[in-house]
PDB file of N, CA and C in Angstrom:
ATOM      1  N   MET A   1     187.858 122.801 144.862  1.00  0.00           N
ATOM      2  CA  MET A   1     189.249 122.681 145.193  1.00  0.00           C
ATOM      3  C   MET A   1     189.808 124.092 145.343  1.00  0.00           C
ATOM      4  N   SER A   2     190.316 124.389 146.474  1.00  0.00           N
ATOM      5  CA  SER A   2     190.843 125.733 146.694  1.00  0.00           C
ATOM      6  C   SER A   2     192.307 125.640 147.077  1.00  0.00           C
ATOM      7  N   TYR A   3     193.017 126.647 146.750  1.00  0.00           N
ATOM      8  CA  TYR A   3     194.430 126.724 147.059  1.00  0.00           C
ATOM      9  C   TYR A   3     194.646 127.932 147.969  1.00  0.00           C
ATOM     10  N   GLN A   4     195.588 127.799 148.842  1.00  0.00           N
ATOM     11  CA  GLN A   4     195.908 128.960 149.661  1.00  0.00           C
ATOM     12  C   GLN A   4     197.337 129.378 149.384  1.00  0.00           C
ATOM     13  N   GLN A   5     197.522 130.615 149.468  1.00  0.00           N
ATOM     14  CA  GLN A   5     198.817 131.192 149.121  1.00  0.00           C
ATOM     15  C   GLN A   5     199.742 131.096 150.319  1.00  0.00           C
ATOM     16  N   SER A   6     200.953 130.615 150.069  1.00  0.00           N
ATOM     17  CA  SER A   6     201.917 130.553 151.166  1.00  0.00           C
ATOM     18  C   SER A   6     202.518 131.943 151.377  1.00  0.00           C
ATOM     19  N   THR A   7     203.005 132.122 152.547  1.00  0.00           N
ATOM     20  CA  THR A   7     203.565 133.438 152.869  1.00  0.00           C
ATOM     21  C   THR A   7     205.044 133.510 152.567  1.00  0.00           C
ATOM     22  N   TYR A   8     205.659 132.375 152.330  1.00  0.00           N
ATOM     23  CA  TYR A   8     207.097 132.364 152.077  1.00  0.00           C
ATOM     24  C   TYR A   8     207.357 132.598 150.599  1.00  0.00           C
ATOM     25  N   ILE A   9     208.115 133.610 150.278  1.00  0.00           N
ATOM     26  CA  ILE A   9     208.532 133.896 148.912  1.00  0.00           C
ATOM     27  C   ILE A   9     210.049 133.959 148.922  1.00  0.00           C
ATOM     28  N   PRO A  10     210.698 133.025 148.252  1.00  0.00           N
ATOM     29  CA  PRO A  10     212.165 133.046 148.273  1.00  0.00           C
ATOM     30  C   PRO A  10     212.704 134.229 147.465  1.00  0.00           C
ATOM     31  N   SER A  11     213.910 134.579 147.765  1.00  0.00           N
ATOM     32  CA  SER A  11     214.515 135.690 147.036  1.00  0.00           C
ATOM     33  C   SER A  11     214.867 135.249 145.626  1.00  0.00           C
ATOM     34  N   ARG A  12     215.121 136.210 144.770  1.00  0.00           N
ATOM     35  CA  ARG A  12     215.472 135.902 143.392  1.00  0.00           C
ATOM     36  C   ARG A  12     216.773 135.125 143.293  1.00  0.00           C
ATOM     37  N   ARG A  13     217.690 135.418 144.146  1.00  0.00           N
ATOM     38  CA  ARG A  13     218.979 134.719 144.093  1.00  0.00           C
ATOM     39  C   ARG A  13     218.833 133.244 144.457  1.00  0.00           C
ATOM     40  N   GLN A  14     217.937 132.923 145.358  1.00  0.00           N
ATOM     41  CA  GLN A  14     217.757 131.536 145.773  1.00  0.00           C
ATOM     42  C   GLN A  14     217.086 130.703 144.673  1.00  0.00           C
ATOM     43  N   GLN A  15     216.164 131.262 143.957  1.00  0.00           N
ATOM     44  CA  GLN A  15     215.404 130.506 142.969  1.00  0.00           C
ATOM     45  C   GLN A  15     215.752 130.843 141.531  1.00  0.00           C
ATOM     46  N   ASN A  16     216.639 131.732 141.281  1.00  0.00           N
ATOM     47  CA  ASN A  16     217.018 132.147 139.943  1.00  0.00           C
ATOM     48  C   ASN A  16     215.821 132.633 139.142  1.00  0.00           C
ATOM     49  N   TRP A  17     214.975 133.418 139.779  1.00  0.00           N
ATOM     50  CA  TRP A  17     213.827 133.988 139.090  1.00  0.00           C
ATOM     51  C   TRP A  17     214.286 135.139 138.219  1.00  0.00           C
ATOM     52  N   SER A  18     213.679 135.279 137.115  1.00  0.00           N
ATOM     53  CA  SER A  18     213.953 136.433 136.280  1.00  0.00           C
ATOM     54  C   SER A  18     212.708 137.312 136.237  1.00  0.00           C
ATOM     55  N   ARG A  19     212.759 138.354 135.514  1.00  0.00           N
ATOM     56  CA  ARG A  19     211.638 139.281 135.452  1.00  0.00           C
ATOM     57  C   ARG A  19     210.436 138.643 134.770  1.00  0.00           C
ATOM     58  N   ASN A  20     209.268 139.125 135.101  1.00  0.00           N
ATOM     59  CA  ASN A  20     207.988 138.710 134.519  1.00  0.00           C
ATOM     60  C   ASN A  20     207.679 137.229 134.733  1.00  0.00           C
ATOM     61  N   GLN A  21     208.101 136.668 135.834  1.00  0.00           N
ATOM     62  CA  GLN A  21     207.735 135.303 136.184  1.00  0.00           C
ATOM     63  C   GLN A  21     206.955 135.316 137.481  1.00  0.00           C
ATOM     64  N   ASN A  22     206.048 134.368 137.581  1.00  0.00           N
ATOM     65  CA  ASN A  22     205.216 134.283 138.765  1.00  0.00           C
ATOM     66  C   ASN A  22     206.042 133.713 139.907  1.00  0.00           C
ATOM     67  N   THR A  23     206.118 134.426 140.994  1.00  0.00           N
ATOM     68  CA  THR A  23     206.910 133.974 142.144  1.00  0.00           C
ATOM     69  C   THR A  23     206.025 133.548 143.298  1.00  0.00           C
ATOM     70  N   THR A  24     204.737 133.365 143.061  1.00  0.00           N
ATOM     71  CA  THR A  24     203.813 132.964 144.110  1.00  0.00           C
ATOM     72  C   THR A  24     203.691 131.451 144.106  1.00  0.00           C
ATOM     73  N   ARG A  25     203.756 130.852 145.269  1.00  0.00           N
ATOM     74  CA  ARG A  25     203.576 129.408 145.396  1.00  0.00           C
ATOM     75  C   ARG A  25     202.248 129.129 146.061  1.00  0.00           C
ATOM     76  N   PHE A  26     201.627 128.039 145.612  1.00  0.00           N
ATOM     77  CA  PHE A  26     200.349 127.661 146.180  1.00  0.00           C
ATOM     78  C   PHE A  26     200.498 126.344 146.914  1.00  0.00           C
ATOM     79  N   ALA A  27     199.828 126.248 148.048  1.00  0.00           N
ATOM     80  CA  ALA A  27     199.793 125.010 148.816  1.00  0.00           C
ATOM     81  C   ALA A  27     198.378 124.465 148.746  1.00  0.00           C
ATOM     82  N   SER A  28     198.245 123.194 148.438  1.00  0.00           N
ATOM     83  CA  SER A  28     196.938 122.573 148.311  1.00  0.00           C
ATOM     84  C   SER A  28     196.304 122.419 149.680  1.00  0.00           C
ATOM     85  N   SER A  29     195.004 122.651 149.743  1.00  0.00           N
ATOM     86  CA  SER A  29     194.298 122.476 151.016  1.00  0.00           C
ATOM     87  C   SER A  29     193.898 121.021 151.220  1.00  0.00           C
ATOM     88  N   ILE A  30     194.019 120.211 150.183  1.00  0.00           N
ATOM     89  CA  ILE A  30     193.672 118.790 150.277  1.00  0.00           C
ATOM     90  C   ILE A  30     194.913 118.027 150.714  1.00  0.00           C
ATOM     91  N   LYS A  31     194.796 117.362 151.822  1.00  0.00           N
ATOM     92  CA  LYS A  31     195.916 116.570 152.337  1.00  0.00           C
ATOM     93  C   LYS A  31     195.535 115.095 152.262  1.00  0.00           C
ATOM     94  N   LEU A  32     196.398 114.281 151.675  1.00  0.00           N
ATOM     95  CA  LEU A  32     196.151 112.848 151.548  1.00  0.00           C
ATOM     96  C   LEU A  32     196.968 112.108 152.596  1.00  0.00           C
ATOM     97  N   GLY A  33     196.327 111.136 153.212  1.00  0.00           N
ATOM     98  CA  GLY A  33     197.001 110.342 154.222  1.00  0.00           C
ATOM     99  C   GLY A  33     197.685 109.138 153.606  1.00  0.00           C
ATOM    100  N   PRO A  34     198.322 108.311 154.423  1.00  0.00           N
ATOM    101  CA  PRO A  34     199.036 107.134 153.904  1.00  0.00           C
ATOM    102  C   PRO A  34     198.100 106.100 153.279  1.00  0.00           C
ATOM    103  N   VAL A  35     196.879 105.988 153.773  1.00  0.00           N
ATOM    104  CA  VAL A  35     195.922 105.026 153.200  1.00  0.00           C
ATOM    105  C   VAL A  35     195.515 105.485 151.802  1.00  0.00           C
ATOM    106  N   ALA A  36     195.261 106.764 151.639  1.00  0.00           N
ATOM    107  CA  ALA A  36     194.886 107.279 150.324  1.00  0.00           C
ATOM    108  C   ALA A  36     196.034 107.119 149.335  1.00  0.00           C
ATOM    109  N   HIS A  37     197.241 107.346 149.780  1.00  0.00           N
ATOM    110  CA  HIS A  37     198.395 107.148 148.899  1.00  0.00           C
ATOM    111  C   HIS A  37     198.527 105.681 148.496  1.00  0.00           C
ATOM    112  N   THR A  38     198.297 104.777 149.431  1.00  0.00           N
ATOM    113  CA  THR A  38     198.377 103.346 149.127  1.00  0.00           C
ATOM    114  C   THR A  38     197.300 102.960 148.114  1.00  0.00           C
ATOM    115  N   VAL A  39     196.100 103.486 148.289  1.00  0.00           N
ATOM    116  CA  VAL A  39     195.009 103.192 147.359  1.00  0.00           C
ATOM    117  C   VAL A  39     195.341 103.742 145.971  1.00  0.00           C
ATOM    118  N   LEU A  40     195.874 104.936 145.902  1.00  0.00           N
ATOM    119  CA  LEU A  40     196.237 105.512 144.607  1.00  0.00           C
ATOM    120  C   LEU A  40     197.336 104.704 143.910  1.00  0.00           C
ATOM    121  N   VAL A  41     198.325 104.264 144.680  1.00  0.00           N
ATOM    122  CA  VAL A  41     199.392 103.447 144.093  1.00  0.00           C
ATOM    123  C   VAL A  41     198.824 102.117 143.595  1.00  0.00           C
ATOM    124  N   ALA A  42     197.923 101.519 144.368  1.00  0.00           N
ATOM    125  CA  ALA A  42     197.302 100.256 143.949  1.00  0.00           C
ATOM    126  C   ALA A  42     196.488 100.453 142.671  1.00  0.00           C
ATOM    127  N   LEU A  43     195.771 101.563 142.579  1.00  0.00           N
ATOM    128  CA  LEU A  43     195.000 101.842 141.368  1.00  0.00           C
ATOM    129  C   LEU A  43     195.910 102.039 140.159  1.00  0.00           C
ATOM    130  N   MET A  44     197.020 102.740 140.355  1.00  0.00           N
ATOM    131  CA  MET A  44     197.956 102.932 139.241  1.00  0.00           C
ATOM    132  C   MET A  44     198.551 101.609 138.790  1.00  0.00           C
ATOM    133  N   ILE A  45     198.900 100.749 139.731  1.00  0.00           N
ATOM    134  CA  ILE A  45     199.446  99.436 139.380  1.00  0.00           C
ATOM    135  C   ILE A  45     198.389  98.612 138.639  1.00  0.00           C
ATOM    136  N   THR A  46     197.129  98.699 139.087  1.00  0.00           N
ATOM    137  CA  THR A  46     196.048  97.969 138.419  1.00  0.00           C
ATOM    138  C   THR A  46     195.859  98.451 136.985  1.00  0.00           C
ATOM    139  N   VAL A  47     195.880  99.762 136.791  1.00  0.00           N
ATOM    140  CA  VAL A  47     195.708 100.314 135.439  1.00  0.00           C
ATOM    141  C   VAL A  47     196.869  99.895 134.546  1.00  0.00           C
ATOM    142  N   LEU A  48     198.094  99.958 135.063  1.00  0.00           N
ATOM    143  CA  LEU A  48     199.245  99.523 134.261  1.00  0.00           C
ATOM    144  C   LEU A  48     199.167  98.034 133.934  1.00  0.00           C
ATOM    145  N   GLY A  49     198.689  97.232 134.884  1.00  0.00           N
ATOM    146  CA  GLY A  49     198.514  95.802 134.624  1.00  0.00           C
ATOM    147  C   GLY A  49     197.486  95.540 133.546  1.00  0.00           C
ATOM    148  N   LEU A  50     196.386  96.287 133.567  1.00  0.00           N
ATOM    149  CA  LEU A  50     195.361  96.126 132.527  1.00  0.00           C
ATOM    150  C   LEU A  50     195.884  96.540 131.157  1.00  0.00           C
ATOM    151  N   ILE A  51     196.657  97.602 131.125  1.00  0.00           N
ATOM    152  CA  ILE A  51     197.254  98.015 129.849  1.00  0.00           C
ATOM    153  C   ILE A  51     198.181  96.925 129.336  1.00  0.00           C
ATOM    154  N   TYR A  52     198.976  96.344 130.223  1.00  0.00           N
ATOM    155  CA  TYR A  52     199.886  95.262 129.822  1.00  0.00           C
ATOM    156  C   TYR A  52     199.095  94.068 129.293  1.00  0.00           C
ATOM    157  N   LEU A  53     198.014  93.707 129.986  1.00  0.00           N
ATOM    158  CA  LEU A  53     197.219  92.555 129.554  1.00  0.00           C
ATOM    159  C   LEU A  53     196.573  92.785 128.194  1.00  0.00           C
ATOM    160  N   THR A  54     196.094  93.988 127.934  1.00  0.00           N
ATOM    161  CA  THR A  54     195.495  94.243 126.623  1.00  0.00           C
ATOM    162  C   THR A  54     196.542  94.146 125.522  1.00  0.00           C
ATOM    163  N   GLN A  55     197.748  94.599 125.788  1.00  0.00           N
ATOM    164  CA  GLN A  55     198.810  94.487 124.790  1.00  0.00           C
ATOM    165  C   GLN A  55     199.199  93.027 124.582  1.00  0.00           C
ATOM    166  N   ALA A  56     199.264  92.246 125.657  1.00  0.00           N
ATOM    167  CA  ALA A  56     199.647  90.835 125.541  1.00  0.00           C
ATOM    168  C   ALA A  56     198.592  90.041 124.783  1.00  0.00           C
ATOM    169  N   THR A  57     197.306  90.296 125.054  1.00  0.00           N
ATOM    170  CA  THR A  57     196.264  89.558 124.342  1.00  0.00           C
ATOM    171  C   THR A  57     196.200  89.975 122.885  1.00  0.00           C
ATOM    172  N   ARG A  58     196.534  91.211 122.596  1.00  0.00           N
ATOM    173  CA  ARG A  58     196.562  91.642 121.194  1.00  0.00           C
ATOM    174  C   ARG A  58     197.661  90.888 120.445  1.00  0.00           C
ATOM    175  N   ALA A  59     198.809  90.703 121.076  1.00  0.00           N
ATOM    176  CA  ALA A  59     199.895  89.951 120.439  1.00  0.00           C
ATOM    177  C   ALA A  59     199.498  88.488 120.259  1.00  0.00           C
ATOM    178  N   THR A  60     198.770  87.918 121.213  1.00  0.00           N
ATOM    179  CA  THR A  60     198.312  86.538 121.090  1.00  0.00           C
ATOM    180  C   THR A  60     197.337  86.405 119.929  1.00  0.00           C
ATOM    181  N   GLY A  61     196.492  87.389 119.741  1.00  0.00           N
ATOM    182  CA  GLY A  61     195.565  87.363 118.606  1.00  0.00           C
ATOM    183  C   GLY A  61     196.298  87.352 117.287  1.00  0.00           C
ATOM    184  N   TYR A  62     197.374  88.115 117.197  1.00  0.00           N
ATOM    185  CA  TYR A  62     198.178  88.104 115.974  1.00  0.00           C
ATOM    186  C   TYR A  62     198.843  86.745 115.784  1.00  0.00           C
ATOM    187  N   ASP A  63     199.210  86.085 116.888  1.00  0.00           N
ATOM    188  CA  ASP A  63     199.829  84.771 116.789  1.00  0.00           C
ATOM    189  C   ASP A  63     198.844  83.760 116.218  1.00  0.00           C
ATOM    190  N   TYR A  64     197.579  83.810 116.649  1.00  0.00           N
ATOM    191  CA  TYR A  64     196.575  82.903 116.110  1.00  0.00           C
ATOM    192  C   TYR A  64     196.351  83.152 114.616  1.00  0.00           C
ATOM    193  N   GLN A  65     196.320  84.405 114.217  1.00  0.00           N
ATOM    194  CA  GLN A  65     196.131  84.719 112.802  1.00  0.00           C
ATOM    195  C   GLN A  65     197.301  84.209 111.972  1.00  0.00           C
ATOM    196  N   SER A  66     198.516  84.386 112.462  1.00  0.00           N
ATOM    197  CA  SER A  66     199.677  83.920 111.699  1.00  0.00           C
ATOM    198  C   SER A  66     199.705  82.396 111.639  1.00  0.00           C
ATOM    199  N   GLN A  67     199.273  81.732 112.715  1.00  0.00           N
ATOM    200  CA  GLN A  67     199.220  80.271 112.701  1.00  0.00           C
ATOM    201  C   GLN A  67     198.195  79.783 111.678  1.00  0.00           C
ATOM    202  N   LYS A  68     197.065  80.474 111.586  1.00  0.00           N
ATOM    203  CA  LYS A  68     196.046  80.100 110.610  1.00  0.00           C
ATOM    204  C   LYS A  68     196.563  80.288 109.178  1.00  0.00           C
ATOM    205  N   ILE A  69     197.265  81.354 108.936  1.00  0.00           N
ATOM    206  CA  ILE A  69     197.830  81.610 107.605  1.00  0.00           C
ATOM    207  C   ILE A  69     198.899  80.574 107.275  1.00  0.00           C
ATOM    208  N   ASP A  70     199.720  80.196 108.261  1.00  0.00           N
ATOM    209  CA  ASP A  70     200.727  79.151 108.029  1.00  0.00           C
ATOM    210  C   ASP A  70     200.070  77.825 107.664  1.00  0.00           C
ATOM    211  N   THR A  71     198.956  77.506 108.311  1.00  0.00           N
ATOM    212  CA  THR A  71     198.226  76.273 107.985  1.00  0.00           C
ATOM    213  C   THR A  71     197.687  76.328 106.558  1.00  0.00           C
ATOM    214  N   GLN A  72     197.163  77.473 106.158  1.00  0.00           N
ATOM    215  CA  GLN A  72     196.677  77.628 104.790  1.00  0.00           C
ATOM    216  C   GLN A  72     197.806  77.486 103.781  1.00  0.00           C
ATOM    217  N   ILE A  73     198.962  78.021 104.094  1.00  0.00           N
ATOM    218  CA  ILE A  73     200.114  77.907 103.187  1.00  0.00           C
ATOM    219  C   ILE A  73     200.527  76.453 103.044  1.00  0.00           C
ATOM    220  N   ALA A  74     200.545  75.719 104.156  1.00  0.00           N
ATOM    221  CA  ALA A  74     200.920  74.301 104.096  1.00  0.00           C
ATOM    222  C   ALA A  74     199.910  73.509 103.267  1.00  0.00           C
ATOM    223  N   ASP A  75     198.617  73.798 103.439  1.00  0.00           N
ATOM    224  CA  ASP A  75     197.588  73.106 102.648  1.00  0.00           C
ATOM    225  C   ASP A  75     197.731  73.417 101.160  1.00  0.00           C
ATOM    226  N   LEU A  76     197.980  74.664 100.839  1.00  0.00           N
ATOM    227  CA  LEU A  76     198.138  75.040  99.426  1.00  0.00           C
ATOM    228  C   LEU A  76     199.393  74.414  98.814  1.00  0.00           C
ATOM    229  N   ASN A  77     200.455  74.295  99.602  1.00  0.00           N
ATOM    230  CA  ASN A  77     201.667  73.640  99.090  1.00  0.00           C
ATOM    231  C   ASN A  77     201.431  72.163  98.814  1.00  0.00           C
ATOM    232  N   SER A  78     200.669  71.492  99.684  1.00  0.00           N
ATOM    233  CA  SER A  78     200.375  70.074  99.435  1.00  0.00           C
ATOM    234  C   SER A  78     199.467  69.923  98.209  1.00  0.00           C
ATOM    235  N   GLN A  79     198.506  70.834  98.032  1.00  0.00           N
ATOM    236  CA  GLN A  79     197.673  70.796  96.828  1.00  0.00           C
ATOM    237  C   GLN A  79     198.507  71.044  95.577  1.00  0.00           C
ATOM    238  N   LYS A  80     199.450  71.924  95.658  1.00  0.00           N
ATOM    239  CA  LYS A  80     200.320  72.208  94.518  1.00  0.00           C
ATOM    240  C   LYS A  80     201.129  70.968  94.147  1.00  0.00           C
ATOM    241  N   THR A  81     201.649  70.287  95.162  1.00  0.00           N
ATOM    242  CA  THR A  81     202.415  69.061  94.897  1.00  0.00           C
ATOM    243  C   THR A  81     201.529  68.000  94.253  1.00  0.00           C
ATOM    244  N   ASP A  82     200.308  67.835  94.762  1.00  0.00           N
ATOM    245  CA  ASP A  82     199.381  66.863  94.181  1.00  0.00           C
ATOM    246  C   ASP A  82     199.055  67.211  92.730  1.00  0.00           C
ATOM    247  N   LEU A  83     198.855  68.487  92.462  1.00  0.00           N
ATOM    248  CA  LEU A  83     198.553  68.904  91.092  1.00  0.00           C
ATOM    249  C   LEU A  83     199.748  68.721  90.162  1.00  0.00           C
ATOM    250  N   GLN A  84     200.953  68.929  90.669  1.00  0.00           N
ATOM    251  CA  GLN A  84     202.139  68.685  89.842  1.00  0.00           C
ATOM    252  C   GLN A  84     202.269  67.206  89.495  1.00  0.00           C
ATOM    253  N   ILE A  85     201.978  66.341  90.453  1.00  0.00           N
ATOM    254  CA  ILE A  85     202.030  64.893  90.192  1.00  0.00           C
ATOM    255  C   ILE A  85     200.963  64.505  89.183  1.00  0.00           C
ATOM    256  N   GLU A  86     199.765  65.050  89.350  1.00  0.00           N
ATOM    257  CA  GLU A  86     198.676  64.750  88.412  1.00  0.00           C
ATOM    258  C   GLU A  86     199.014  65.262  87.011  1.00  0.00           C
ATOM    259  N   ASN A  87     199.599  66.417  86.926  1.00  0.00           N
ATOM    260  CA  ASN A  87     200.010  66.977  85.626  1.00  0.00           C
ATOM    261  C   ASN A  87     201.071  66.090  84.977  1.00  0.00           C
ATOM    262  N   ALA A  88     202.025  65.629  85.752  1.00  0.00           N
ATOM    263  CA  ALA A  88     203.074  64.757  85.205  1.00  0.00           C
ATOM    264  C   ALA A  88     202.469  63.437  84.720  1.00  0.00           C
ATOM    265  N   ARG A  89     201.503  62.913  85.484  1.00  0.00           N
ATOM    266  CA  ARG A  89     200.876  61.653  85.087  1.00  0.00           C
ATOM    267  C   ARG A  89     200.071  61.823  83.798  1.00  0.00           C
ATOM    268  N   LEU A  90     199.347  62.911  83.675  1.00  0.00           N
ATOM    269  CA  LEU A  90     198.517  63.111  82.495  1.00  0.00           C
ATOM    270  C   LEU A  90     199.338  63.447  81.254  1.00  0.00           C
ATOM    271  N   THR A  91     200.412  64.169  81.423  1.00  0.00           N
ATOM    272  CA  THR A  91     201.215  64.541  80.260  1.00  0.00           C
ATOM    273  C   THR A  91     202.200  63.457  79.852  1.00  0.00           C
ATOM    274  N   ALA A  92     202.467  62.500  80.717  1.00  0.00           N
ATOM    275  CA  ALA A  92     203.432  61.451  80.381  1.00  0.00           C
ATOM    276  C   ALA A  92     202.909  60.579  79.240  1.00  0.00           C
ATOM    277  N   LEU A  93     201.668  60.165  79.281  1.00  0.00           N
ATOM    278  CA  LEU A  93     201.096  59.320  78.234  1.00  0.00           C
ATOM    279  C   LEU A  93     201.033  60.076  76.917  1.00  0.00           C
ATOM    280  N   GLN A  94     200.653  61.333  76.977  1.00  0.00           N
ATOM    281  CA  GLN A  94     200.597  62.135  75.764  1.00  0.00           C
ATOM    282  C   GLN A  94     201.998  62.322  75.179  1.00  0.00           C
ATOM    283  N   THR A  95     202.991  62.505  76.020  1.00  0.00           N
ATOM    284  CA  THR A  95     204.369  62.667  75.545  1.00  0.00           C
ATOM    285  C   THR A  95     204.868  61.386  74.896  1.00  0.00           C
ATOM    286  N   VAL A  96     204.542  60.246  75.474  1.00  0.00           N
ATOM    287  CA  VAL A  96     204.974  58.971  74.901  1.00  0.00           C
ATOM    288  C   VAL A  96     204.299  58.741  73.549  1.00  0.00           C
ATOM    289  N   LYS A  97     203.031  59.041  73.461  1.00  0.00           N
ATOM    290  CA  LYS A  97     202.321  58.819  72.199  1.00  0.00           C
ATOM    291  C   LYS A  97     202.843  59.723  71.085  1.00  0.00           C
ATOM    292  N   SER A  98     203.242  60.910  71.403  1.00  0.00           N
ATOM    293  CA  SER A  98     203.695  61.833  70.363  1.00  0.00           C
ATOM    294  C   SER A  98     205.202  61.826  70.174  1.00  0.00           C
ATOM    295  N   SER A  99     205.923  60.933  70.836  1.00  0.00           N
ATOM    296  CA  SER A  99     207.384  60.901  70.681  1.00  0.00           C
ATOM    297  C   SER A  99     207.757  60.264  69.340  1.00  0.00           C
ATOM    298  N   THR A 100     208.979  60.475  68.911  1.00  0.00           N
ATOM    299  CA  THR A 100     209.434  59.925  67.627  1.00  0.00           C
ATOM    300  C   THR A 100     209.578  58.414  67.692  1.00  0.00           C
ATOM    301  N   VAL A 101     209.903  57.897  68.831  1.00  0.00           N
ATOM    302  CA  VAL A 101     210.031  56.443  68.978  1.00  0.00           C
ATOM    303  C   VAL A 101     208.666  55.785  68.799  1.00  0.00           C
ATOM    304  N   ALA A 102     207.652  56.354  69.400  1.00  0.00           N
ATOM    305  CA  ALA A 102     206.316  55.768  69.285  1.00  0.00           C
ATOM    306  C   ALA A 102     205.772  55.904  67.872  1.00  0.00           C
ATOM    307  N   SER A 103     206.129  56.959  67.173  1.00  0.00           N
ATOM    308  CA  SER A 103     205.615  57.129  65.812  1.00  0.00           C
ATOM    309  C   SER A 103     206.279  56.165  64.824  1.00  0.00           C
ATOM    310  N   THR A 104     207.487  55.692  65.081  1.00  0.00           N
ATOM    311  CA  THR A 104     208.150  54.736  64.184  1.00  0.00           C
ATOM    312  C   THR A 104     207.763  53.294  64.489  1.00  0.00           C
ATOM    313  N   MET A 105     207.112  53.060  65.578  1.00  0.00           N
ATOM    314  CA  MET A 105     206.705  51.688  65.919  1.00  0.00           C
ATOM    315  C   MET A 105     205.506  51.278  65.070  1.00  0.00           C
ATOM    316  N   THR A 106     205.419  50.026  64.796  1.00  0.00           N
ATOM    317  CA  THR A 106     204.290  49.503  64.020  1.00  0.00           C
ATOM    318  C   THR A 106     203.449  48.630  64.916  1.00  0.00           C
ATOM    319  N   THR A 107     202.231  48.444  64.546  1.00  0.00           N
ATOM    320  CA  THR A 107     201.350  47.601  65.347  1.00  0.00           C
ATOM    321  C   THR A 107     201.534  46.149  64.948  1.00  0.00           C
ATOM    322  N   ALA A 108     201.343  45.261  65.839  1.00  0.00           N
ATOM    323  CA  ALA A 108     201.493  43.832  65.555  1.00  0.00           C
ATOM    324  C   ALA A 108     200.356  43.356  64.678  1.00  0.00           C
ATOM    325  N   LYS A 109     200.663  42.512  63.668  1.00  0.00           N
ATOM    326  CA  LYS A 109     199.637  42.060  62.743  1.00  0.00           C
ATOM    327  C   LYS A 109     199.047  40.702  63.166  1.00  0.00           C
ATOM    328  N   ASP A 110     199.891  39.832  63.665  1.00  0.00           N
ATOM    329  CA  ASP A 110     199.422  38.488  63.997  1.00  0.00           C
ATOM    330  C   ASP A 110     199.590  38.300  65.512  1.00  0.00           C
ATOM    331  N   THR A 111     198.492  38.203  66.195  1.00  0.00           N
ATOM    332  CA  THR A 111     198.541  37.974  67.625  1.00  0.00           C
ATOM    333  C   THR A 111     197.854  36.667  67.934  1.00  0.00           C
ATOM    334  N   GLN A 112     198.494  35.879  68.701  1.00  0.00           N
ATOM    335  CA  GLN A 112     197.935  34.589  69.099  1.00  0.00           C
ATOM    336  C   GLN A 112     198.074  34.475  70.614  1.00  0.00           C
ATOM    337  N   TYR A 113     197.103  33.867  71.184  1.00  0.00           N
ATOM    338  CA  TYR A 113     197.111  33.692  72.626  1.00  0.00           C
ATOM    339  C   TYR A 113     197.252  32.216  72.932  1.00  0.00           C
ATOM    340  N   VAL A 114     197.966  31.939  73.961  1.00  0.00           N
ATOM    341  CA  VAL A 114     198.155  30.561  74.379  1.00  0.00           C
ATOM    342  C   VAL A 114     197.005  30.181  75.285  1.00  0.00           C
ATOM    343  N   SER A 115     196.405  29.059  75.000  1.00  0.00           N
ATOM    344  CA  SER A 115     195.305  28.646  75.847  1.00  0.00           C
ATOM    345  C   SER A 115     195.729  27.426  76.636  1.00  0.00           C
ATOM    346  N   GLN A 116     195.118  27.165  77.664  1.00  0.00           N
ATOM    347  CA  GLN A 116     195.499  26.037  78.506  1.00  0.00           C
ATOM    348  C   GLN A 116     194.672  24.826  78.232  1.00  0.00           C
TER     349      GLN A 116
END
């Protein structure tokens, strides 16, 4: 890639150049036509589209993970409810047996059954 030096050097007043600045301009020897510009624009659009797609799929992956965690939370909540019911059922009989009302009750001495 080579550059050629242009012969036009603007005055300091036109460009507001100050001391110790490079005032030489270079013109590229590579000239791109309209087809090359169109191809470059298409490539840039393609790259930006791919970047967008990778970001969108990354967000979708996070959505699947959060949905899985929500399902686990719902399952654990239902298990917790089942365990609370089981705990209430198991402790209810023990509470009745150890209550003061149950301790003052007496057992029946004479039981008779009616037969047909």
